[in-house]
Amino acid sequence: MAKRSIIATEAGIRKAKRVFQHTGWTQVEFAMEVGLSTRQPIWKFFSGRPVERAVFIDICFRLDLDWEEIAGIGQYAIGRGSNASGKDDYSNEAAIHPWLRICEPT
């Protein structure tokens, strides 16, 4: 079964980079902190490439960041609501778009 990957948004990458710079770690040291044997997933994360979901969440956890905010999902991407008539409102497709950042591995 394929594992799901997540891509950080541009704003999420900027925020994560600011926090990472304050740690003083190299990418290799940070990979060890996250429990990885290589820095490749760290590089992918900061380069806006797909990262395995569990690793993405661990990276955000070690940086004390909300992974859903960094990925642009969850409460940060309200997709569907009801309008005044009580019918479903799909007019805000821009809010649904961040969900497309979750992708299958390449």
PDB file of N, CA and C in Angstrom:
ATOM      1  N   MET A   1       0.837  -1.174   0.000  1.00  0.00           N
ATOM      2  CA  MET A   1       0.000   0.000   0.000  1.00  0.00           C
ATOM      3  C   MET A   1       0.889   1.247   0.000  1.00  0.00           C
ATOM      4  N   ALA A   2       0.542   2.207  -0.804  1.00  0.00           N
ATOM      5  CA  ALA A   2       1.330   3.432  -0.927  1.00  0.00           C
ATOM      6  C   ALA A   2       1.187   4.294   0.316  1.00  0.00           C
ATOM      7  N   LYS A   3       2.278   4.910   0.706  1.00  0.00           N
ATOM      8  CA  LYS A   3       2.254   5.826   1.847  1.00  0.00           C
ATOM      9  C   LYS A   3       1.941   7.219   1.331  1.00  0.00           C
ATOM     10  N   ARG A   4       1.168   7.957   2.085  1.00  0.00           N
ATOM     11  CA  ARG A   4       0.827   9.322   1.689  1.00  0.00           C
ATOM     12  C   ARG A   4       1.977  10.265   2.016  1.00  0.00           C
ATOM     13  N   SER A   5       2.146  11.238   1.144  1.00  0.00           N
ATOM     14  CA  SER A   5       3.159  12.268   1.338  1.00  0.00           C
ATOM     15  C   SER A   5       2.473  13.612   1.478  1.00  0.00           C
ATOM     16  N   ILE A   6       3.166  14.540   2.106  1.00  0.00           N
ATOM     17  CA  ILE A   6       2.648  15.889   2.296  1.00  0.00           C
ATOM     18  C   ILE A   6       3.715  16.873   1.841  1.00  0.00           C
ATOM     19  N   ILE A   7       3.264  17.990   1.286  1.00  0.00           N
ATOM     20  CA  ILE A   7       4.159  19.067   0.865  1.00  0.00           C
ATOM     21  C   ILE A   7       3.844  20.297   1.700  1.00  0.00           C
ATOM     22  N   ALA A   8       4.864  20.940   2.222  1.00  0.00           N
ATOM     23  CA  ALA A   8       4.677  22.181   2.972  1.00  0.00           C
ATOM     24  C   ALA A   8       4.348  23.320   2.013  1.00  0.00           C
ATOM     25  N   THR A   9       3.514  24.243   2.469  1.00  0.00           N
ATOM     26  CA  THR A   9       3.222  25.429   1.668  1.00  0.00           C
ATOM     27  C   THR A   9       4.434  26.357   1.687  1.00  0.00           C
ATOM     28  N   GLU A  10       4.453  27.325   0.786  1.00  0.00           N
ATOM     29  CA  GLU A  10       5.560  28.290   0.771  1.00  0.00           C
ATOM     30  C   GLU A  10       5.635  29.041   2.092  1.00  0.00           C
ATOM     31  N   ALA A  11       4.476  29.462   2.611  1.00  0.00           N
ATOM     32  CA  ALA A  11       4.450  30.173   3.898  1.00  0.00           C
ATOM     33  C   ALA A  11       4.908  29.245   5.016  1.00  0.00           C
ATOM     34  N   GLY A  12       4.521  27.982   4.940  1.00  0.00           N
ATOM     35  CA  GLY A  12       4.933  27.008   5.944  1.00  0.00           C
ATOM     36  C   GLY A  12       6.435  26.779   5.927  1.00  0.00           C
ATOM     37  N   ILE A  13       7.004  26.717   4.735  1.00  0.00           N
ATOM     38  CA  ILE A  13       8.452  26.535   4.606  1.00  0.00           C
ATOM     39  C   ILE A  13       9.186  27.728   5.204  1.00  0.00           C
ATOM     40  N   ARG A  14       8.713  28.934   4.899  1.00  0.00           N
ATOM     41  CA  ARG A  14       9.360  30.133   5.459  1.00  0.00           C
ATOM     42  C   ARG A  14       9.323  30.106   6.983  1.00  0.00           C
ATOM     43  N   LYS A  15       8.176  29.764   7.547  1.00  0.00           N
ATOM     44  CA  LYS A  15       8.034  29.718   9.006  1.00  0.00           C
ATOM     45  C   LYS A  15       8.948  28.647   9.602  1.00  0.00           C
ATOM     46  N   ALA A  16       8.967  27.466   8.992  1.00  0.00           N
ATOM     47  CA  ALA A  16       9.804  26.376   9.483  1.00  0.00           C
ATOM     48  C   ALA A  16      11.288  26.727   9.386  1.00  0.00           C
ATOM     49  N   LYS A  17      11.689  27.390   8.301  1.00  0.00           N
ATOM     50  CA  LYS A  17      13.096  27.785   8.149  1.00  0.00           C
ATOM     51  C   LYS A  17      13.515  28.768   9.233  1.00  0.00           C
ATOM     52  N   ARG A  18      12.617  29.717   9.562  1.00  0.00           N
ATOM     53  CA  ARG A  18      12.941  30.676  10.633  1.00  0.00           C
ATOM     54  C   ARG A  18      13.181  29.952  11.954  1.00  0.00           C
ATOM     55  N   VAL A  19      12.300  29.017  12.278  1.00  0.00           N
ATOM     56  CA  VAL A  19      12.439  28.266  13.525  1.00  0.00           C
ATOM     57  C   VAL A  19      13.695  27.401  13.476  1.00  0.00           C
ATOM     58  N   PHE A  20      13.927  26.730  12.349  1.00  0.00           N
ATOM     59  CA  PHE A  20      15.089  25.858  12.202  1.00  0.00           C
ATOM     60  C   PHE A  20      16.392  26.631  12.387  1.00  0.00           C
ATOM     61  N   GLN A  21      16.472  27.823  11.836  1.00  0.00           N
ATOM     62  CA  GLN A  21      17.690  28.629  11.956  1.00  0.00           C
ATOM     63  C   GLN A  21      18.013  28.950  13.411  1.00  0.00           C
ATOM     64  N   HIS A  22      16.991  29.092  14.237  1.00  0.00           N
ATOM     65  CA  HIS A  22      17.209  29.401  15.654  1.00  0.00           C
ATOM     66  C   HIS A  22      17.688  28.189  16.453  1.00  0.00           C
ATOM     67  N   THR A  23      17.535  26.985  15.908  1.00  0.00           N
ATOM     68  CA  THR A  23      17.986  25.793  16.627  1.00  0.00           C
ATOM     69  C   THR A  23      19.502  25.655  16.587  1.00  0.00           C
ATOM     70  N   GLY A  24      20.115  26.154  15.513  1.00  0.00           N
ATOM     71  CA  GLY A  24      21.559  26.018  15.366  1.00  0.00           C
ATOM     72  C   GLY A  24      21.990  24.664  14.818  1.00  0.00           C
ATOM     73  N   TRP A  25      21.046  23.793  14.510  1.00  0.00           N
ATOM     74  CA  TRP A  25      21.362  22.479  13.979  1.00  0.00           C
ATOM     75  C   TRP A  25      21.705  22.550  12.498  1.00  0.00           C
ATOM     76  N   THR A  26      22.507  21.597  12.047  1.00  0.00           N
ATOM     77  CA  THR A  26      22.663  21.370  10.613  1.00  0.00           C
ATOM     78  C   THR A  26      21.518  20.446  10.197  1.00  0.00           C
ATOM     79  N   GLN A  27      21.328  20.253   8.898  1.00  0.00           N
ATOM     80  CA  GLN A  27      20.281  19.332   8.450  1.00  0.00           C
ATOM     81  C   GLN A  27      20.582  17.901   8.887  1.00  0.00           C
ATOM     82  N   VAL A  28      21.852  17.538   8.935  1.00  0.00           N
ATOM     83  CA  VAL A  28      22.234  16.194   9.379  1.00  0.00           C
ATOM     84  C   VAL A  28      21.894  16.020  10.855  1.00  0.00           C
ATOM     85  N   GLU A  29      22.231  17.016  11.676  1.00  0.00           N
ATOM     86  CA  GLU A  29      21.912  16.947  13.108  1.00  0.00           C
ATOM     87  C   GLU A  29      20.406  16.902  13.330  1.00  0.00           C
ATOM     88  N   PHE A  30      19.684  17.700  12.558  1.00  0.00           N
ATOM     89  CA  PHE A  30      18.233  17.723  12.694  1.00  0.00           C
ATOM     90  C   PHE A  30      17.627  16.382  12.285  1.00  0.00           C
ATOM     91  N   ALA A  31      18.160  15.782  11.230  1.00  0.00           N
ATOM     92  CA  ALA A  31      17.683  14.459  10.808  1.00  0.00           C
ATOM     93  C   ALA A  31      17.850  13.453  11.942  1.00  0.00           C
ATOM     94  N   MET A  32      18.981  13.518  12.641  1.00  0.00           N
ATOM     95  CA  MET A  32      19.208  12.627  13.776  1.00  0.00           C
ATOM     96  C   MET A  32      18.206  12.910  14.896  1.00  0.00           C
ATOM     97  N   GLU A  33      17.906  14.179  15.142  1.00  0.00           N
ATOM     98  CA  GLU A  33      16.920  14.554  16.166  1.00  0.00           C
ATOM     99  C   GLU A  33      15.543  13.990  15.841  1.00  0.00           C
ATOM    100  N   VAL A  34      15.215  13.955  14.554  1.00  0.00           N
ATOM    101  CA  VAL A  34      13.913  13.452  14.112  1.00  0.00           C
ATOM    102  C   VAL A  34      13.917  11.920  14.062  1.00  0.00           C
ATOM    103  N   GLY A  35      15.101  11.311  14.124  1.00  0.00           N
ATOM    104  CA  GLY A  35      15.200   9.857  14.085  1.00  0.00           C
ATOM    105  C   GLY A  35      15.386   9.296  12.689  1.00  0.00           C
ATOM    106  N   LEU A  36      15.955  10.101  11.808  1.00  0.00           N
ATOM    107  CA  LEU A  36      16.192   9.682  10.427  1.00  0.00           C
ATOM    108  C   LEU A  36      17.658   9.316  10.240  1.00  0.00           C
ATOM    109  N   SER A  37      17.923   8.427   9.301  1.00  0.00           N
ATOM    110  CA  SER A  37      19.305   8.027   9.043  1.00  0.00           C
ATOM    111  C   SER A  37      19.971   8.876   7.966  1.00  0.00           C
ATOM    112  N   THR A  38      19.186   9.706   7.291  1.00  0.00           N
ATOM    113  CA  THR A  38      19.710  10.564   6.231  1.00  0.00           C
ATOM    114  C   THR A  38      19.023  11.923   6.295  1.00  0.00           C
ATOM    115  N   ARG A  39      19.662  12.944   5.748  1.00  0.00           N
ATOM    116  CA  ARG A  39      19.075  14.283   5.773  1.00  0.00           C
ATOM    117  C   ARG A  39      18.145  14.537   4.592  1.00  0.00           C
ATOM    118  N   GLN A  40      18.018  13.567   3.679  1.00  0.00           N
ATOM    119  CA  GLN A  40      17.226  13.764   2.467  1.00  0.00           C
ATOM    120  C   GLN A  40      15.789  14.218   2.753  1.00  0.00           C
ATOM    121  N   PRO A  41      15.060  13.598   3.701  1.00  0.00           N
ATOM    122  CA  PRO A  41      13.697  14.083   3.966  1.00  0.00           C
ATOM    123  C   PRO A  41      13.672  15.514   4.510  1.00  0.00           C
ATOM    124  N   ILE A  42      14.708  15.911   5.235  1.00  0.00           N
ATOM    125  CA  ILE A  42      14.791  17.282   5.751  1.00  0.00           C
ATOM    126  C   ILE A  42      14.960  18.241   4.581  1.00  0.00           C
ATOM    127  N   TRP A  43      15.862  17.898   3.671  1.00  0.00           N
ATOM    128  CA  TRP A  43      16.085  18.718   2.482  1.00  0.00           C
ATOM    129  C   TRP A  43      14.809  18.822   1.658  1.00  0.00           C
ATOM    130  N   LYS A  44      14.113  17.684   1.478  1.00  0.00           N
ATOM    131  CA  LYS A  44      12.861  17.692   0.722  1.00  0.00           C
ATOM    132  C   LYS A  44      11.837  18.605   1.386  1.00  0.00           C
ATOM    133  N   PHE A  45      11.714  18.516   2.699  1.00  0.00           N
ATOM    134  CA  PHE A  45      10.762  19.339   3.448  1.00  0.00           C
ATOM    135  C   PHE A  45      11.008  20.823   3.187  1.00  0.00           C
ATOM    136  N   PHE A  46      12.263  21.246   3.343  1.00  0.00           N
ATOM    137  CA  PHE A  46      12.603  22.658   3.173  1.00  0.00           C
ATOM    138  C   PHE A  46      12.654  23.092   1.705  1.00  0.00           C
ATOM    139  N   SER A  47      12.618  22.131   0.777  1.00  0.00           N
ATOM    140  CA  SER A  47      12.613  22.444  -0.654  1.00  0.00           C
ATOM    141  C   SER A  47      11.217  22.400  -1.264  1.00  0.00           C
ATOM    142  N   GLY A  48      10.221  22.100  -0.449  1.00  0.00           N
ATOM    143  CA  GLY A  48       8.851  22.057  -0.958  1.00  0.00           C
ATOM    144  C   GLY A  48       8.540  20.813  -1.767  1.00  0.00           C
ATOM    145  N   ARG A  49       9.237  19.736  -1.476  1.00  0.00           N
ATOM    146  CA  ARG A  49       8.986  18.466  -2.162  1.00  0.00           C
ATOM    147  C   ARG A  49       8.180  17.541  -1.240  1.00  0.00           C
ATOM    148  N   PRO A  50       7.535  16.518  -1.793  1.00  0.00           N
ATOM    149  CA  PRO A  50       6.743  15.602  -0.960  1.00  0.00           C
ATOM    150  C   PRO A  50       7.597  14.881   0.077  1.00  0.00           C
ATOM    151  N   VAL A  51       7.062  14.799   1.293  1.00  0.00           N
ATOM    152  CA  VAL A  51       7.716  14.107   2.397  1.00  0.00           C
ATOM    153  C   VAL A  51       6.691  13.133   2.981  1.00  0.00           C
ATOM    154  N   GLU A  52       7.139  11.941   3.338  1.00  0.00           N
ATOM    155  CA  GLU A  52       6.242  10.963   3.950  1.00  0.00           C
ATOM    156  C   GLU A  52       5.511  11.605   5.134  1.00  0.00           C
ATOM    157  N   ARG A  53       4.226  11.333   5.234  1.00  0.00           N
ATOM    158  CA  ARG A  53       3.364  11.976   6.231  1.00  0.00           C
ATOM    159  C   ARG A  53       3.937  11.894   7.655  1.00  0.00           C
ATOM    160  N   ALA A  54       4.341  10.710   8.097  1.00  0.00           N
ATOM    161  CA  ALA A  54       4.848  10.549   9.463  1.00  0.00           C
ATOM    162  C   ALA A  54       6.109  11.383   9.685  1.00  0.00           C
ATOM    163  N   VAL A  55       6.981  11.424   8.699  1.00  0.00           N
ATOM    164  CA  VAL A  55       8.212  12.217   8.807  1.00  0.00           C
ATOM    165  C   VAL A  55       7.870  13.701   8.826  1.00  0.00           C
ATOM    166  N   PHE A  56       6.936  14.127   7.974  1.00  0.00           N
ATOM    167  CA  PHE A  56       6.496  15.524   7.935  1.00  0.00           C
ATOM    168  C   PHE A  56       6.001  15.949   9.316  1.00  0.00           C
ATOM    169  N   ILE A  57       5.170  15.117   9.929  1.00  0.00           N
ATOM    170  CA  ILE A  57       4.624  15.432  11.252  1.00  0.00           C
ATOM    171  C   ILE A  57       5.738  15.480  12.289  1.00  0.00           C
ATOM    172  N   ASP A  58       6.697  14.537  12.236  1.00  0.00           N
ATOM    173  CA  ASP A  58       7.822  14.533  13.180  1.00  0.00           C
ATOM    174  C   ASP A  58       8.687  15.780  13.039  1.00  0.00           C
ATOM    175  N   ILE A  59       8.939  16.203  11.813  1.00  0.00           N
ATOM    176  CA  ILE A  59       9.732  17.415  11.582  1.00  0.00           C
ATOM    177  C   ILE A  59       9.044  18.610  12.231  1.00  0.00           C
ATOM    178  N   CYS A  60       7.754  18.746  11.974  1.00  0.00           N
ATOM    179  CA  CYS A  60       7.005  19.870  12.550  1.00  0.00           C
ATOM    180  C   CYS A  60       6.972  19.792  14.071  1.00  0.00           C
ATOM    181  N   PHE A  61       6.812  18.581  14.617  1.00  0.00           N
ATOM    182  CA  PHE A  61       6.783  18.399  16.067  1.00  0.00           C
ATOM    183  C   PHE A  61       8.093  18.854  16.698  1.00  0.00           C
ATOM    184  N   ARG A  62       9.224  18.454  16.105  1.00  0.00           N
ATOM    185  CA  ARG A  62      10.542  18.830  16.657  1.00  0.00           C
ATOM    186  C   ARG A  62      10.784  20.336  16.567  1.00  0.00           C
ATOM    187  N   LEU A  63      10.130  20.990  15.606  1.00  0.00           N
ATOM    188  CA  LEU A  63      10.252  22.446  15.473  1.00  0.00           C
ATOM    189  C   LEU A  63       9.145  23.174  16.240  1.00  0.00           C
ATOM    190  N   ASP A  64       8.309  22.415  16.942  1.00  0.00           N
ATOM    191  CA  ASP A  64       7.187  22.964  17.713  1.00  0.00           C
ATOM    192  C   ASP A  64       6.242  23.760  16.813  1.00  0.00           C
ATOM    193  N   LEU A  65       5.922  23.178  15.657  1.00  0.00           N
ATOM    194  CA  LEU A  65       5.022  23.798  14.686  1.00  0.00           C
ATOM    195  C   LEU A  65       3.798  22.918  14.485  1.00  0.00           C
ATOM    196  N   ASP A  66       2.682  23.530  14.142  1.00  0.00           N
ATOM    197  CA  ASP A  66       1.456  22.805  13.824  1.00  0.00           C
ATOM    198  C   ASP A  66       1.579  22.280  12.395  1.00  0.00           C
ATOM    199  N   TRP A  67       1.659  20.967  12.242  1.00  0.00           N
ATOM    200  CA  TRP A  67       1.897  20.389  10.917  1.00  0.00           C
ATOM    201  C   TRP A  67       0.784  20.719   9.944  1.00  0.00           C
ATOM    202  N   GLU A  68      -0.450  20.839  10.427  1.00  0.00           N
ATOM    203  CA  GLU A  68      -1.551  21.173   9.523  1.00  0.00           C
ATOM    204  C   GLU A  68      -1.414  22.602   8.997  1.00  0.00           C
ATOM    205  N   GLU A  69      -0.935  23.496   9.845  1.00  0.00           N
ATOM    206  CA  GLU A  69      -0.702  24.872   9.392  1.00  0.00           C
ATOM    207  C   GLU A  69       0.406  24.903   8.344  1.00  0.00           C
ATOM    208  N   ILE A  70       1.486  24.172   8.604  1.00  0.00           N
ATOM    209  CA  ILE A  70       2.621  24.149   7.681  1.00  0.00           C
ATOM    210  C   ILE A  70       2.209  23.540   6.337  1.00  0.00           C
ATOM    211  N   ALA A  71       1.321  22.549   6.363  1.00  0.00           N
ATOM    212  CA  ALA A  71       0.842  21.912   5.132  1.00  0.00           C
ATOM    213  C   ALA A  71      -0.315  22.668   4.498  1.00  0.00           C
ATOM    214  N   GLY A  72      -0.894  23.613   5.238  1.00  0.00           N
ATOM    215  CA  GLY A  72      -2.021  24.373   4.704  1.00  0.00           C
ATOM    216  C   GLY A  72      -3.310  23.577   4.683  1.00  0.00           C
ATOM    217  N   ILE A  73      -3.493  22.705   5.686  1.00  0.00           N
ATOM    218  CA  ILE A  73      -4.722  21.910   5.761  1.00  0.00           C
ATOM    219  C   ILE A  73      -5.382  22.085   7.120  1.00  0.00           C
ATOM    220  N   GLY A  74      -6.455  21.366   7.357  1.00  0.00           N
ATOM    221  CA  GLY A  74      -7.161  21.438   8.632  1.00  0.00           C
ATOM    222  C   GLY A  74      -7.951  22.720   8.736  1.00  0.00           C
ATOM    223  N   GLN A  75      -7.952  23.317   9.906  1.00  0.00           N
ATOM    224  CA  GLN A  75      -8.721  24.545  10.119  1.00  0.00           C
ATOM    225  C   GLN A  75      -8.202  25.689   9.268  1.00  0.00           C
ATOM    226  N   TYR A  76      -7.005  25.536   8.710  1.00  0.00           N
ATOM    227  CA  TYR A  76      -6.421  26.575   7.877  1.00  0.00           C
ATOM    228  C   TYR A  76      -6.932  26.504   6.447  1.00  0.00           C
ATOM    229  N   ALA A  77      -7.687  25.457   6.142  1.00  0.00           N
ATOM    230  CA  ALA A  77      -8.220  25.290   4.787  1.00  0.00           C
ATOM    231  C   ALA A  77      -9.685  24.881   4.874  1.00  0.00           C
ATOM    232  N   ILE A  78     -10.524  25.794   5.242  1.00  0.00           N
ATOM    233  CA  ILE A  78     -11.946  25.510   5.357  1.00  0.00           C
ATOM    234  C   ILE A  78     -12.486  25.291   3.962  1.00  0.00           C
ATOM    235  N   GLY A  79     -13.032  24.119   3.721  1.00  0.00           N
ATOM    236  CA  GLY A  79     -13.431  23.781   2.370  1.00  0.00           C
ATOM    237  C   GLY A  79     -14.900  23.905   2.060  1.00  0.00           C
ATOM    238  N   ARG A  80     -15.773  23.595   2.999  1.00  0.00           N
ATOM    239  CA  ARG A  80     -17.185  23.523   2.669  1.00  0.00           C
ATOM    240  C   ARG A  80     -17.998  24.017   3.848  1.00  0.00           C
ATOM    241  N   GLY A  81     -19.005  24.773   3.572  1.00  0.00           N
ATOM    242  CA  GLY A  81     -19.882  25.260   4.617  1.00  0.00           C
ATOM    243  C   GLY A  81     -21.293  25.354   4.104  1.00  0.00           C
ATOM    244  N   SER A  82     -22.129  26.006   4.863  1.00  0.00           N
ATOM    245  CA  SER A  82     -23.510  26.200   4.432  1.00  0.00           C
ATOM    246  C   SER A  82     -23.756  27.675   4.263  1.00  0.00           C
ATOM    247  N   ASN A  83     -24.534  28.021   3.255  1.00  0.00           N
ATOM    248  CA  ASN A  83     -24.874  29.423   3.048  1.00  0.00           C
ATOM    249  C   ASN A  83     -26.133  29.755   3.843  1.00  0.00           C
ATOM    250  N   ALA A  84     -26.636  30.961   3.706  1.00  0.00           N
ATOM    251  CA  ALA A  84     -27.786  31.422   4.488  1.00  0.00           C
ATOM    252  C   ALA A  84     -29.025  30.566   4.264  1.00  0.00           C
ATOM    253  N   SER A  85     -29.148  29.952   3.101  1.00  0.00           N
ATOM    254  CA  SER A  85     -30.327  29.130   2.820  1.00  0.00           C
ATOM    255  C   SER A  85     -30.208  27.732   3.421  1.00  0.00           C
ATOM    256  N   GLY A  86     -29.050  27.428   4.023  1.00  0.00           N
ATOM    257  CA  GLY A  86     -28.845  26.116   4.618  1.00  0.00           C
ATOM    258  C   GLY A  86     -28.322  25.082   3.646  1.00  0.00           C
ATOM    259  N   LYS A  87     -28.145  25.468   2.392  1.00  0.00           N
ATOM    260  CA  LYS A  87     -27.611  24.542   1.391  1.00  0.00           C
ATOM    261  C   LYS A  87     -26.087  24.586   1.413  1.00  0.00           C
ATOM    262  N   ASP A  88     -25.483  23.481   1.003  1.00  0.00           N
ATOM    263  CA  ASP A  88     -24.025  23.433   0.958  1.00  0.00           C
ATOM    264  C   ASP A  88     -23.484  24.499   0.025  1.00  0.00           C
ATOM    265  N   ASP A  89     -22.387  25.113   0.441  1.00  0.00           N
ATOM    266  CA  ASP A  89     -21.766  26.182  -0.339  1.00  0.00           C
ATOM    267  C   ASP A  89     -20.407  25.704  -0.823  1.00  0.00           C
ATOM    268  N   TYR A  90     -20.271  25.510  -2.122  1.00  0.00           N
ATOM    269  CA  TYR A  90     -19.012  25.074  -2.715  1.00  0.00           C
ATOM    270  C   TYR A  90     -18.318  26.207  -3.463  1.00  0.00           C
ATOM    271  N   SER A  91     -18.731  27.428  -3.206  1.00  0.00           N
ATOM    272  CA  SER A  91     -18.218  28.555  -3.979  1.00  0.00           C
ATOM    273  C   SER A  91     -16.789  28.926  -3.621  1.00  0.00           C
ATOM    274  N   ASN A  92     -16.284  28.467  -2.499  1.00  0.00           N
ATOM    275  CA  ASN A  92     -14.952  28.857  -2.068  1.00  0.00           C
ATOM    276  C   ASN A  92     -13.936  27.777  -2.427  1.00  0.00           C
ATOM    277  N   GLU A  93     -13.726  27.570  -3.716  1.00  0.00           N
ATOM    278  CA  GLU A  93     -12.797  26.535  -4.155  1.00  0.00           C
ATOM    279  C   GLU A  93     -11.362  26.845  -3.762  1.00  0.00           C
ATOM    280  N   ALA A  94     -11.048  28.111  -3.555  1.00  0.00           N
ATOM    281  CA  ALA A  94      -9.685  28.480  -3.154  1.00  0.00           C
ATOM    282  C   ALA A  94      -9.344  27.878  -1.804  1.00  0.00           C
ATOM    283  N   ALA A  95     -10.327  27.718  -0.941  1.00  0.00           N
ATOM    284  CA  ALA A  95     -10.071  27.124   0.367  1.00  0.00           C
ATOM    285  C   ALA A  95      -9.881  25.617   0.268  1.00  0.00           C
ATOM    286  N   ILE A  96     -10.432  25.004  -0.753  1.00  0.00           N
ATOM    287  CA  ILE A  96     -10.283  23.565  -0.934  1.00  0.00           C
ATOM    288  C   ILE A  96      -8.919  23.240  -1.533  1.00  0.00           C
ATOM    289  N   HIS A  97      -8.386  24.119  -2.338  1.00  0.00           N
ATOM    290  CA  HIS A  97      -7.135  23.885  -3.064  1.00  0.00           C
ATOM    291  C   HIS A  97      -5.985  23.375  -2.191  1.00  0.00           C
ATOM    292  N   PRO A  98      -5.741  23.899  -0.970  1.00  0.00           N
ATOM    293  CA  PRO A  98      -4.604  23.390  -0.201  1.00  0.00           C
ATOM    294  C   PRO A  98      -4.646  21.885   0.036  1.00  0.00           C
ATOM    295  N   TRP A  99      -5.834  21.282   0.026  1.00  0.00           N
ATOM    296  CA  TRP A  99      -5.904  19.833   0.189  1.00  0.00           C
ATOM    297  C   TRP A  99      -5.213  19.121  -0.964  1.00  0.00           C
ATOM    298  N   LEU A 100      -5.085  19.772  -2.074  1.00  0.00           N
ATOM    299  CA  LEU A 100      -4.412  19.163  -3.211  1.00  0.00           C
ATOM    300  C   LEU A 100      -2.912  19.048  -2.976  1.00  0.00           C
ATOM    301  N   ARG A 101      -2.408  19.694  -1.923  1.00  0.00           N
ATOM    302  CA  ARG A 101      -0.987  19.627  -1.594  1.00  0.00           C
ATOM    303  C   ARG A 101      -0.622  18.245  -1.029  1.00  0.00           C
ATOM    304  N   ILE A 102      -1.636  17.486  -0.572  1.00  0.00           N
ATOM    305  CA  ILE A 102      -1.384  16.127  -0.108  1.00  0.00           C
ATOM    306  C   ILE A 102      -1.366  15.255  -1.352  1.00  0.00           C
ATOM    307  N   CYS A 103      -0.314  14.501  -1.524  1.00  0.00           N
ATOM    308  CA  CYS A 103      -0.196  13.755  -2.769  1.00  0.00           C
ATOM    309  C   CYS A 103       0.312  12.354  -2.520  1.00  0.00           C
ATOM    310  N   GLU A 104       0.182  11.534  -3.495  1.00  0.00           N
ATOM    311  CA  GLU A 104       0.739  10.188  -3.456  1.00  0.00           C
ATOM    312  C   GLU A 104       2.232  10.288  -3.754  1.00  0.00           C
ATOM    313  N   PRO A 105       3.030   9.343  -3.266  1.00  0.00           N
ATOM    314  CA  PRO A 105       4.471   9.398  -3.528  1.00  0.00           C
ATOM    315  C   PRO A 105       4.766   9.327  -5.023  1.00  0.00           C
ATOM    316  N   THR A 106       5.847   9.975  -5.397  1.00  0.00           N
ATOM    317  CA  THR A 106       6.237   9.990  -6.802  1.00  0.00           C
ATOM    318  C   THR A 106       7.130   8.823  -7.123  1.00  0.00           C
TER     319      THR A 106
END
